[in-house]
PDB file of N, CA and C in Angstrom:
ATOM      1  N   MET A   1      24.634  18.096 -20.762  1.00  0.00           N
ATOM      2  CA  MET A   1      25.165  16.918 -20.665  1.00  0.00           C
ATOM      3  C   MET A   1      24.480  15.820 -21.511  1.00  0.00           C
ATOM      4  N   LYS A   2      25.236  15.062 -22.170  1.00  0.00           N
ATOM      5  CA  LYS A   2      25.465  14.075 -23.037  1.00  0.00           C
ATOM      6  C   LYS A   2      24.142  12.903 -22.406  1.00  0.00           C
ATOM      7  N   THR A   3      23.149  12.541 -23.411  1.00  0.00           N
ATOM      8  CA  THR A   3      22.290  11.538 -22.950  1.00  0.00           C
ATOM      9  C   THR A   3      22.585  10.081 -23.291  1.00  0.00           C
ATOM     10  N   ALA A   4      22.093   9.045 -22.877  1.00  0.00           N
ATOM     11  CA  ALA A   4      22.480   8.028 -22.897  1.00  0.00           C
ATOM     12  C   ALA A   4      21.163   7.102 -23.361  1.00  0.00           C
ATOM     13  N   THR A   5      21.069   5.776 -23.628  1.00  0.00           N
ATOM     14  CA  THR A   5      20.352   5.042 -24.016  1.00  0.00           C
ATOM     15  C   THR A   5      20.108   3.636 -23.082  1.00  0.00           C
ATOM     16  N   PHE A   6      18.546   3.388 -22.883  1.00  0.00           N
ATOM     17  CA  PHE A   6      18.716   2.036 -22.179  1.00  0.00           C
ATOM     18  C   PHE A   6      18.487   0.911 -23.425  1.00  0.00           C
ATOM     19  N   PRO A   7      19.212  -0.323 -23.079  1.00  0.00           N
ATOM     20  CA  PRO A   7      19.069  -1.394 -23.724  1.00  0.00           C
ATOM     21  C   PRO A   7      17.808  -1.686 -24.432  1.00  0.00           C
ATOM     22  N   SER A   8      17.761  -2.517 -25.838  1.00  0.00           N
ATOM     23  CA  SER A   8      16.456  -2.629 -26.492  1.00  0.00           C
ATOM     24  C   SER A   8      16.073  -3.808 -25.493  1.00  0.00           C
ATOM     25  N   LEU A   9      14.527  -3.785 -25.188  1.00  0.00           N
ATOM     26  CA  LEU A   9      13.975  -4.662 -24.238  1.00  0.00           C
ATOM     27  C   LEU A   9      12.814  -5.518 -25.272  1.00  0.00           C
ATOM     28  N   ARG A  10      12.874  -6.997 -25.225  1.00  0.00           N
ATOM     29  CA  ARG A  10      12.116  -7.634 -25.769  1.00  0.00           C
ATOM     30  C   ARG A  10      10.916  -8.102 -25.354  1.00  0.00           C
ATOM     31  N   VAL A  11       9.792  -8.134 -25.531  1.00  0.00           N
ATOM     32  CA  VAL A  11       8.502  -8.098 -25.136  1.00  0.00           C
ATOM     33  C   VAL A  11       7.745  -8.784 -25.693  1.00  0.00           C
ATOM     34  N   THR A  12       6.362  -9.631 -25.238  1.00  0.00           N
ATOM     35  CA  THR A  12       5.600 -10.240 -25.996  1.00  0.00           C
ATOM     36  C   THR A  12       4.626  -9.262 -26.814  1.00  0.00           C
ATOM     37  N   PRO A  13       4.148  -9.436 -27.845  1.00  0.00           N
ATOM     38  CA  PRO A  13       3.448  -8.834 -28.504  1.00  0.00           C
ATOM     39  C   PRO A  13       2.355  -8.146 -27.945  1.00  0.00           C
ATOM     40  N   GLU A  14       1.893  -8.942 -27.073  1.00  0.00           N
ATOM     41  CA  GLU A  14       0.543  -8.776 -26.076  1.00  0.00           C
ATOM     42  C   GLU A  14       0.952  -7.735 -25.116  1.00  0.00           C
ATOM     43  N   LEU A  15       2.179  -7.763 -24.097  1.00  0.00           N
ATOM     44  CA  LEU A  15       2.698  -6.772 -23.682  1.00  0.00           C
ATOM     45  C   LEU A  15       2.617  -5.166 -24.276  1.00  0.00           C
ATOM     46  N   ARG A  16       3.300  -5.285 -25.402  1.00  0.00           N
ATOM     47  CA  ARG A  16       3.506  -3.972 -26.188  1.00  0.00           C
ATOM     48  C   ARG A  16       2.194  -3.647 -26.558  1.00  0.00           C
ATOM     49  N   GLN A  17       1.296  -4.385 -27.103  1.00  0.00           N
ATOM     50  CA  GLN A  17      -0.230  -3.817 -27.587  1.00  0.00           C
ATOM     51  C   GLN A  17      -0.704  -3.077 -26.090  1.00  0.00           C
ATOM     52  N   ALA A  18      -0.605  -4.124 -24.831  1.00  0.00           N
ATOM     53  CA  ALA A  18      -1.552  -3.216 -23.755  1.00  0.00           C
ATOM     54  C   ALA A  18      -0.826  -1.963 -23.440  1.00  0.00           C
ATOM     55  N   ALA A  19       0.555  -1.665 -23.801  1.00  0.00           N
ATOM     56  CA  ALA A  19       1.003  -0.468 -23.326  1.00  0.00           C
ATOM     57  C   ALA A  19       0.863   0.329 -24.212  1.00  0.00           C
ATOM     58  N   GLU A  20       0.500  -0.026 -25.643  1.00  0.00           N
ATOM     59  CA  GLU A  20       0.275   1.287 -26.173  1.00  0.00           C
ATOM     60  C   GLU A  20      -1.292   1.429 -26.181  1.00  0.00           C
ATOM     61  N   GLN A  21      -2.241   0.664 -25.969  1.00  0.00           N
ATOM     62  CA  GLN A  21      -3.583   0.759 -25.602  1.00  0.00           C
ATOM     63  C   GLN A  21      -3.654   1.697 -24.314  1.00  0.00           C
ATOM     64  N   ILE A  22      -2.945   2.064 -23.439  1.00  0.00           N
ATOM     65  CA  ILE A  22      -3.136   2.799 -22.447  1.00  0.00           C
ATOM     66  C   ILE A  22      -2.516   4.377 -22.595  1.00  0.00           C
ATOM     67  N   LEU A  23      -1.695   4.151 -23.547  1.00  0.00           N
ATOM     68  CA  LEU A  23      -1.004   5.670 -23.881  1.00  0.00           C
ATOM     69  C   LEU A  23      -1.797   6.667 -23.714  1.00  0.00           C
ATOM     70  N   GLN A  24      -1.464   7.906 -23.289  1.00  0.00           N
ATOM     71  CA  GLN A  24      -2.386   8.906 -23.222  1.00  0.00           C
ATOM     72  C   GLN A  24      -2.265   9.730 -24.473  1.00  0.00           C
ATOM     73  N   GLU A  25      -3.110  10.713 -24.702  1.00  0.00           N
ATOM     74  CA  GLU A  25      -2.865  11.438 -25.913  1.00  0.00           C
ATOM     75  C   GLU A  25      -1.772  12.135 -25.757  1.00  0.00           C
ATOM     76  N   GLY A  26      -0.818  12.422 -26.769  1.00  0.00           N
ATOM     77  CA  GLY A  26       0.323  12.866 -27.257  1.00  0.00           C
ATOM     78  C   GLY A  26       1.686  11.994 -26.445  1.00  0.00           C
ATOM     79  N   GLU A  27       1.328  10.842 -25.977  1.00  0.00           N
ATOM     80  CA  GLU A  27       2.327  10.226 -25.117  1.00  0.00           C
ATOM     81  C   GLU A  27       3.043   9.095 -25.964  1.00  0.00           C
ATOM     82  N   THR A  28       4.078   8.855 -26.002  1.00  0.00           N
ATOM     83  CA  THR A  28       4.847   7.746 -26.750  1.00  0.00           C
ATOM     84  C   THR A  28       5.157   6.977 -26.432  1.00  0.00           C
ATOM     85  N   LEU A  29       5.592   5.441 -26.615  1.00  0.00           N
ATOM     86  CA  LEU A  29       5.794   4.664 -25.855  1.00  0.00           C
ATOM     87  C   LEU A  29       6.876   4.741 -25.172  1.00  0.00           C
ATOM     88  N   SER A  30       7.837   5.648 -25.781  1.00  0.00           N
ATOM     89  CA  SER A  30       9.212   5.852 -25.306  1.00  0.00           C
ATOM     90  C   SER A  30       9.108   6.566 -24.123  1.00  0.00           C
ATOM     91  N   SER A  31       8.210   7.630 -23.978  1.00  0.00           N
ATOM     92  CA  SER A  31       8.224   8.459 -23.176  1.00  0.00           C
ATOM     93  C   SER A  31       7.262   7.681 -21.969  1.00  0.00           C
ATOM     94  N   PHE A  32       6.411   6.840 -22.403  1.00  0.00           N
ATOM     95  CA  PHE A  32       5.988   5.838 -21.218  1.00  0.00           C
ATOM     96  C   PHE A  32       6.941   5.010 -20.303  1.00  0.00           C
ATOM     97  N   VAL A  33       7.815   4.419 -21.094  1.00  0.00           N
ATOM     98  CA  VAL A  33       9.028   3.448 -20.720  1.00  0.00           C
ATOM     99  C   VAL A  33       9.654   4.441 -19.686  1.00  0.00           C
ATOM    100  N   GLU A  34      10.052   5.742 -20.146  1.00  0.00           N
ATOM    101  CA  GLU A  34      10.923   6.540 -19.415  1.00  0.00           C
ATOM    102  C   GLU A  34      10.458   6.761 -18.045  1.00  0.00           C
ATOM    103  N   GLN A  35       9.191   6.921 -18.233  1.00  0.00           N
ATOM    104  CA  GLN A  35       8.162   7.717 -17.089  1.00  0.00           C
ATOM    105  C   GLN A  35       8.222   6.427 -15.853  1.00  0.00           C
ATOM    106  N   SER A  36       7.904   5.168 -16.535  1.00  0.00           N
ATOM    107  CA  SER A  36       7.771   4.053 -15.632  1.00  0.00           C
ATOM    108  C   SER A  36       9.193   3.816 -15.304  1.00  0.00           C
ATOM    109  N   ILE A  37      10.165   4.054 -15.814  1.00  0.00           N
ATOM    110  CA  ILE A  37      11.407   3.680 -15.376  1.00  0.00           C
ATOM    111  C   ILE A  37      11.673   4.743 -13.983  1.00  0.00           C
ATOM    112  N   ARG A  38      11.503   5.957 -14.310  1.00  0.00           N
ATOM    113  CA  ARG A  38      11.396   7.075 -13.188  1.00  0.00           C
ATOM    114  C   ARG A  38      10.973   6.751 -11.977  1.00  0.00           C
ATOM    115  N   GLU A  39       9.485   6.286 -12.073  1.00  0.00           N
ATOM    116  CA  GLU A  39       8.828   5.773 -11.385  1.00  0.00           C
ATOM    117  C   GLU A  39       9.256   4.952 -10.382  1.00  0.00           C
ATOM    118  N   SER A  40       9.898   3.930 -11.054  1.00  0.00           N
ATOM    119  CA  SER A  40      10.375   2.568 -10.562  1.00  0.00           C
ATOM    120  C   SER A  40      11.402   3.017  -9.667  1.00  0.00           C
ATOM    121  N   ILE A  41      12.551   3.656 -10.041  1.00  0.00           N
ATOM    122  CA  ILE A  41      13.707   4.031  -9.350  1.00  0.00           C
ATOM    123  C   ILE A  41      13.250   4.709  -8.124  1.00  0.00           C
ATOM    124  N   GLY A  42      12.492   5.578  -8.277  1.00  0.00           N
ATOM    125  CA  GLY A  42      11.900   6.319  -6.887  1.00  0.00           C
ATOM    126  C   GLY A  42      11.336   5.557  -5.745  1.00  0.00           C
ATOM    127  N   ARG A  43      10.504   4.458  -6.157  1.00  0.00           N
ATOM    128  CA  ARG A  43       9.712   3.468  -5.240  1.00  0.00           C
ATOM    129  C   ARG A  43      11.149   2.957  -4.633  1.00  0.00           C
ATOM    130  N   ARG A  44      11.997   2.389  -5.454  1.00  0.00           N
ATOM    131  CA  ARG A  44      12.855   1.536  -4.776  1.00  0.00           C
ATOM    132  C   ARG A  44      14.028   2.256  -3.971  1.00  0.00           C
ATOM    133  N   GLN A  45      14.154   3.921  -4.361  1.00  0.00           N
ATOM    134  CA  GLN A  45      15.222   4.641  -3.199  1.00  0.00           C
ATOM    135  C   GLN A  45      14.037   4.481  -2.235  1.00  0.00           C
ATOM    136  N   HIS A  46      12.708   4.956  -2.386  1.00  0.00           N
ATOM    137  CA  HIS A  46      12.047   5.174  -0.843  1.00  0.00           C
ATOM    138  C   HIS A  46      11.909   4.126  -0.135  1.00  0.00           C
ATOM    139  N   GLN A  47      11.809   2.371  -0.464  1.00  0.00           N
ATOM    140  CA  GLN A  47      12.054   1.581   0.247  1.00  0.00           C
ATOM    141  C   GLN A  47      13.490   1.374   0.700  1.00  0.00           C
ATOM    142  N   GLN A  48      14.523   1.534  -0.154  1.00  0.00           N
ATOM    143  CA  GLN A  48      15.906   1.596   0.832  1.00  0.00           C
ATOM    144  C   GLN A  48      15.992   2.412   1.643  1.00  0.00           C
ATOM    145  N   GLU A  49      15.733   3.649   1.376  1.00  0.00           N
ATOM    146  CA  GLU A  49      15.645   4.606   2.778  1.00  0.00           C
ATOM    147  C   GLU A  49      14.928   4.213   3.912  1.00  0.00           C
ATOM    148  N   PHE A  50      13.621   3.648   3.585  1.00  0.00           N
ATOM    149  CA  PHE A  50      12.887   2.970   4.705  1.00  0.00           C
ATOM    150  C   PHE A  50      13.541   1.799   5.330  1.00  0.00           C
ATOM    151  N   THR A  51      13.993   0.925   4.554  1.00  0.00           N
ATOM    152  CA  THR A  51      14.639  -0.208   5.446  1.00  0.00           C
ATOM    153  C   THR A  51      16.092   0.263   6.259  1.00  0.00           C
ATOM    154  N   ALA A  52      16.646   1.408   5.598  1.00  0.00           N
ATOM    155  CA  ALA A  52      17.790   1.851   6.207  1.00  0.00           C
ATOM    156  C   ALA A  52      17.294   2.756   7.630  1.00  0.00           C
ATOM    157  N   ARG A  53      16.146   3.538   7.543  1.00  0.00           N
ATOM    158  CA  ARG A  53      15.663   3.996   8.780  1.00  0.00           C
ATOM    159  C   ARG A  53      15.356   2.981   9.786  1.00  0.00           C
ATOM    160  N   GLY A  54      14.479   1.835   9.168  1.00  0.00           N
ATOM    161  CA  GLY A  54      14.275   1.002  10.303  1.00  0.00           C
ATOM    162  C   GLY A  54      15.507   0.413  10.986  1.00  0.00           C
ATOM    163  N   LEU A  55      16.422  -0.060   9.829  1.00  0.00           N
ATOM    164  CA  LEU A  55      17.727  -0.474  10.915  1.00  0.00           C
ATOM    165  C   LEU A  55      18.515   0.132  11.711  1.00  0.00           C
ATOM    166  N   ARG A  56      18.501   1.580  11.590  1.00  0.00           N
ATOM    167  CA  ARG A  56      19.073   2.541  12.322  1.00  0.00           C
ATOM    168  C   ARG A  56      18.398   2.574  13.461  1.00  0.00           C
ATOM    169  N   SER A  57      17.080   2.513  13.262  1.00  0.00           N
ATOM    170  CA  SER A  57      15.939   2.453  14.672  1.00  0.00           C
ATOM    171  C   SER A  57      16.105   1.093  15.560  1.00  0.00           C
ATOM    172  N   ARG A  58      16.143   0.002  14.847  1.00  0.00           N
ATOM    173  CA  ARG A  58      16.416  -1.044  15.395  1.00  0.00           C
ATOM    174  C   ARG A  58      17.811  -0.845  16.300  1.00  0.00           C
ATOM    175  N   ASP A  59      18.885  -0.452  15.402  1.00  0.00           N
ATOM    176  CA  ASP A  59      20.279  -0.427  16.331  1.00  0.00           C
ATOM    177  C   ASP A  59      19.931   0.796  17.504  1.00  0.00           C
ATOM    178  N   GLU A  60      19.318   1.697  17.281  1.00  0.00           N
ATOM    179  CA  GLU A  60      19.334   2.603  18.506  1.00  0.00           C
ATOM    180  C   GLU A  60      18.626   2.129  19.586  1.00  0.00           C
ATOM    181  N   ALA A  61      17.661   1.014  19.465  1.00  0.00           N
ATOM    182  CA  ALA A  61      16.887   0.663  20.522  1.00  0.00           C
ATOM    183  C   ALA A  61      17.743  -0.154  21.054  1.00  0.00           C
ATOM    184  N   ARG A  62      18.459  -1.150  20.377  1.00  0.00           N
ATOM    185  CA  ARG A  62      19.429  -2.240  21.009  1.00  0.00           C
ATOM    186  C   ARG A  62      20.424  -1.406  21.866  1.00  0.00           C
ATOM    187  N   GLN A  63      20.710  -0.553  21.549  1.00  0.00           N
ATOM    188  CA  GLN A  63      21.745   0.317  22.120  1.00  0.00           C
ATOM    189  C   GLN A  63      21.010   0.796  23.502  1.00  0.00           C
ATOM    190  N   SER A  64      19.855   1.603  23.267  1.00  0.00           N
ATOM    191  CA  SER A  64      19.300   1.978  24.265  1.00  0.00           C
ATOM    192  C   SER A  64      18.736   1.332  25.183  1.00  0.00           C
ATOM    193  N   GLY A  65      18.151   0.145  24.659  1.00  0.00           N
ATOM    194  CA  GLY A  65      17.329  -0.986  25.859  1.00  0.00           C
ATOM    195  C   GLY A  65      15.774  -0.039  25.693  1.00  0.00           C
ATOM    196  N   LYS A  66      15.653   0.614  25.021  1.00  0.00           N
ATOM    197  CA  LYS A  66      14.136   1.755  24.912  1.00  0.00           C
ATOM    198  C   LYS A  66      13.556   0.885  23.935  1.00  0.00           C
ATOM    199  N   TYR A  67      12.379   0.257  23.981  1.00  0.00           N
ATOM    200  CA  TYR A  67      11.891  -0.361  22.846  1.00  0.00           C
ATOM    201  C   TYR A  67      10.147  -0.270  23.305  1.00  0.00           C
ATOM    202  N   VAL A  68       9.266   0.004  22.010  1.00  0.00           N
ATOM    203  CA  VAL A  68       7.978   0.218  22.210  1.00  0.00           C
ATOM    204  C   VAL A  68       7.280  -0.912  21.726  1.00  0.00           C
ATOM    205  N   SER A  69       6.490  -1.398  22.369  1.00  0.00           N
ATOM    206  CA  SER A  69       5.549  -2.965  22.305  1.00  0.00           C
ATOM    207  C   SER A  69       4.872  -2.813  20.895  1.00  0.00           C
ATOM    208  N   ALA A  70       4.839  -3.954  19.774  1.00  0.00           N
ATOM    209  CA  ALA A  70       4.047  -3.698  18.939  1.00  0.00           C
ATOM    210  C   ALA A  70       2.256  -3.325  18.989  1.00  0.00           C
ATOM    211  N   ASP A  71       2.124  -4.082  20.218  1.00  0.00           N
ATOM    212  CA  ASP A  71       0.712  -3.859  20.960  1.00  0.00           C
ATOM    213  C   ASP A  71       0.553  -2.299  21.098  1.00  0.00           C
ATOM    214  N   SER A  72       1.422  -1.398  21.227  1.00  0.00           N
ATOM    215  CA  SER A  72       1.554  -0.171  21.931  1.00  0.00           C
ATOM    216  C   SER A  72       1.270   0.586  20.430  1.00  0.00           C
ATOM    217  N   VAL A  73       2.053   0.365  19.611  1.00  0.00           N
ATOM    218  CA  VAL A  73       1.901   0.706  18.136  1.00  0.00           C
ATOM    219  C   VAL A  73       0.529   0.612  17.486  1.00  0.00           C
ATOM    220  N   ILE A  74       0.318  -0.380  17.277  1.00  0.00           N
ATOM    221  CA  ILE A  74      -0.868  -0.919  17.001  1.00  0.00           C
ATOM    222  C   ILE A  74      -2.114   0.078  17.549  1.00  0.00           C
ATOM    223  N   GLY A  75      -2.159   0.120  18.683  1.00  0.00           N
ATOM    224  CA  GLY A  75      -3.129   0.728  19.446  1.00  0.00           C
ATOM    225  C   GLY A  75      -2.948   2.089  19.087  1.00  0.00           C
ATOM    226  N   ARG A  76      -2.095   2.773  18.974  1.00  0.00           N
ATOM    227  CA  ARG A  76      -1.676   4.150  18.700  1.00  0.00           C
ATOM    228  C   ARG A  76      -2.260   4.403  17.294  1.00  0.00           C
ATOM    229  N   LEU A  77      -2.025   3.323  16.373  1.00  0.00           N
ATOM    230  CA  LEU A  77      -2.218   3.590  15.165  1.00  0.00           C
ATOM    231  C   LEU A  77      -3.972   3.294  14.849  1.00  0.00           C
ATOM    232  N   GLU A  78      -4.663   2.470  15.604  1.00  0.00           N
ATOM    233  CA  GLU A  78      -6.196   2.364  15.585  1.00  0.00           C
ATOM    234  C   GLU A  78      -6.487   3.263  16.341  1.00  0.00           C
ATOM    235  N   GLU A  79      -6.188   3.972  16.917  1.00  0.00           N
ATOM    236  CA  GLU A  79      -6.611   5.519  17.323  1.00  0.00           C
ATOM    237  C   GLU A  79      -6.398   6.831  16.381  1.00  0.00           C
ATOM    238  N   MET A  80      -5.270   6.478  15.825  1.00  0.00           N
ATOM    239  CA  MET A  80      -5.372   7.735  14.905  1.00  0.00           C
ATOM    240  C   MET A  80      -6.577   7.158  13.527  1.00  0.00           C
ATOM    241  N   LEU A  81      -6.435   6.023  13.132  1.00  0.00           N
ATOM    242  CA  LEU A  81      -7.495   5.758  12.185  1.00  0.00           C
ATOM    243  C   LEU A  81      -8.801   6.145  12.576  1.00  0.00           C
ATOM    244  N   ALA A  82      -9.240   5.941  13.602  1.00  0.00           N
ATOM    245  CA  ALA A  82     -10.512   6.145  14.252  1.00  0.00           C
ATOM    246  C   ALA A  82     -10.692   7.802  14.499  1.00  0.00           C
ATOM    247  N   THR A  83      -9.542   8.408  14.708  1.00  0.00           N
ATOM    248  CA  THR A  83      -9.816  10.155  14.548  1.00  0.00           C
ATOM    249  C   THR A  83      -9.788  10.369  13.326  1.00  0.00           C
ATOM    250  N   ALA A  84      -9.523   9.725  12.359  1.00  0.00           N
ATOM    251  CA  ALA A  84      -9.535  10.349  10.907  1.00  0.00           C
ATOM    252  C   ALA A  84     -10.782  10.069  10.286  1.00  0.00           C
ATOM    253  N   LYS A  85     -11.236   8.706  10.631  1.00  0.00           N
ATOM    254  CA  LYS A  85     -12.563   8.300  10.292  1.00  0.00           C
ATOM    255  C   LYS A  85     -13.534   9.420  10.602  1.00  0.00           C
ATOM    256  N   GLY A  86     -13.417   9.545  11.985  1.00  0.00           N
ATOM    257  CA  GLY A  86     -14.708  10.720  12.532  1.00  0.00           C
ATOM    258  C   GLY A  86     -14.528  11.892  11.969  1.00  0.00           C
ATOM    259  N   ALA A  87     -13.232  12.411  11.487  1.00  0.00           N
ATOM    260  CA  ALA A  87     -13.250  13.669  11.146  1.00  0.00           C
ATOM    261  C   ALA A  87     -13.905  13.728   9.390  1.00  0.00           C
ATOM    262  N   LYS A  88     -14.560  12.758   9.007  1.00  0.00           N
ATOM    263  CA  LYS A  88     -14.654  12.823   7.448  1.00  0.00           C
ATOM    264  C   LYS A  88     -16.005  13.005   7.434  1.00  0.00           C
TER     265      LYS A  88
END
């Protein structure tokens, strides 16, 4: 498979210096930028999937007329949190 490049990116000298200072041993600025892009793409994909699931759930609730109150959800989450804290 043929590779492609990202366009050049102009940044302030301070931003470049900050990026260079946090590089790990053996890591290049290019590999850092590539990894950052991959992670950002992954986050955005998860956000899109989360939103899509929420919208589907909303539509299903509207069709069925079956809803769960916010108070009920929060109450259950608080129970789960209390259980998790007690397990430590």
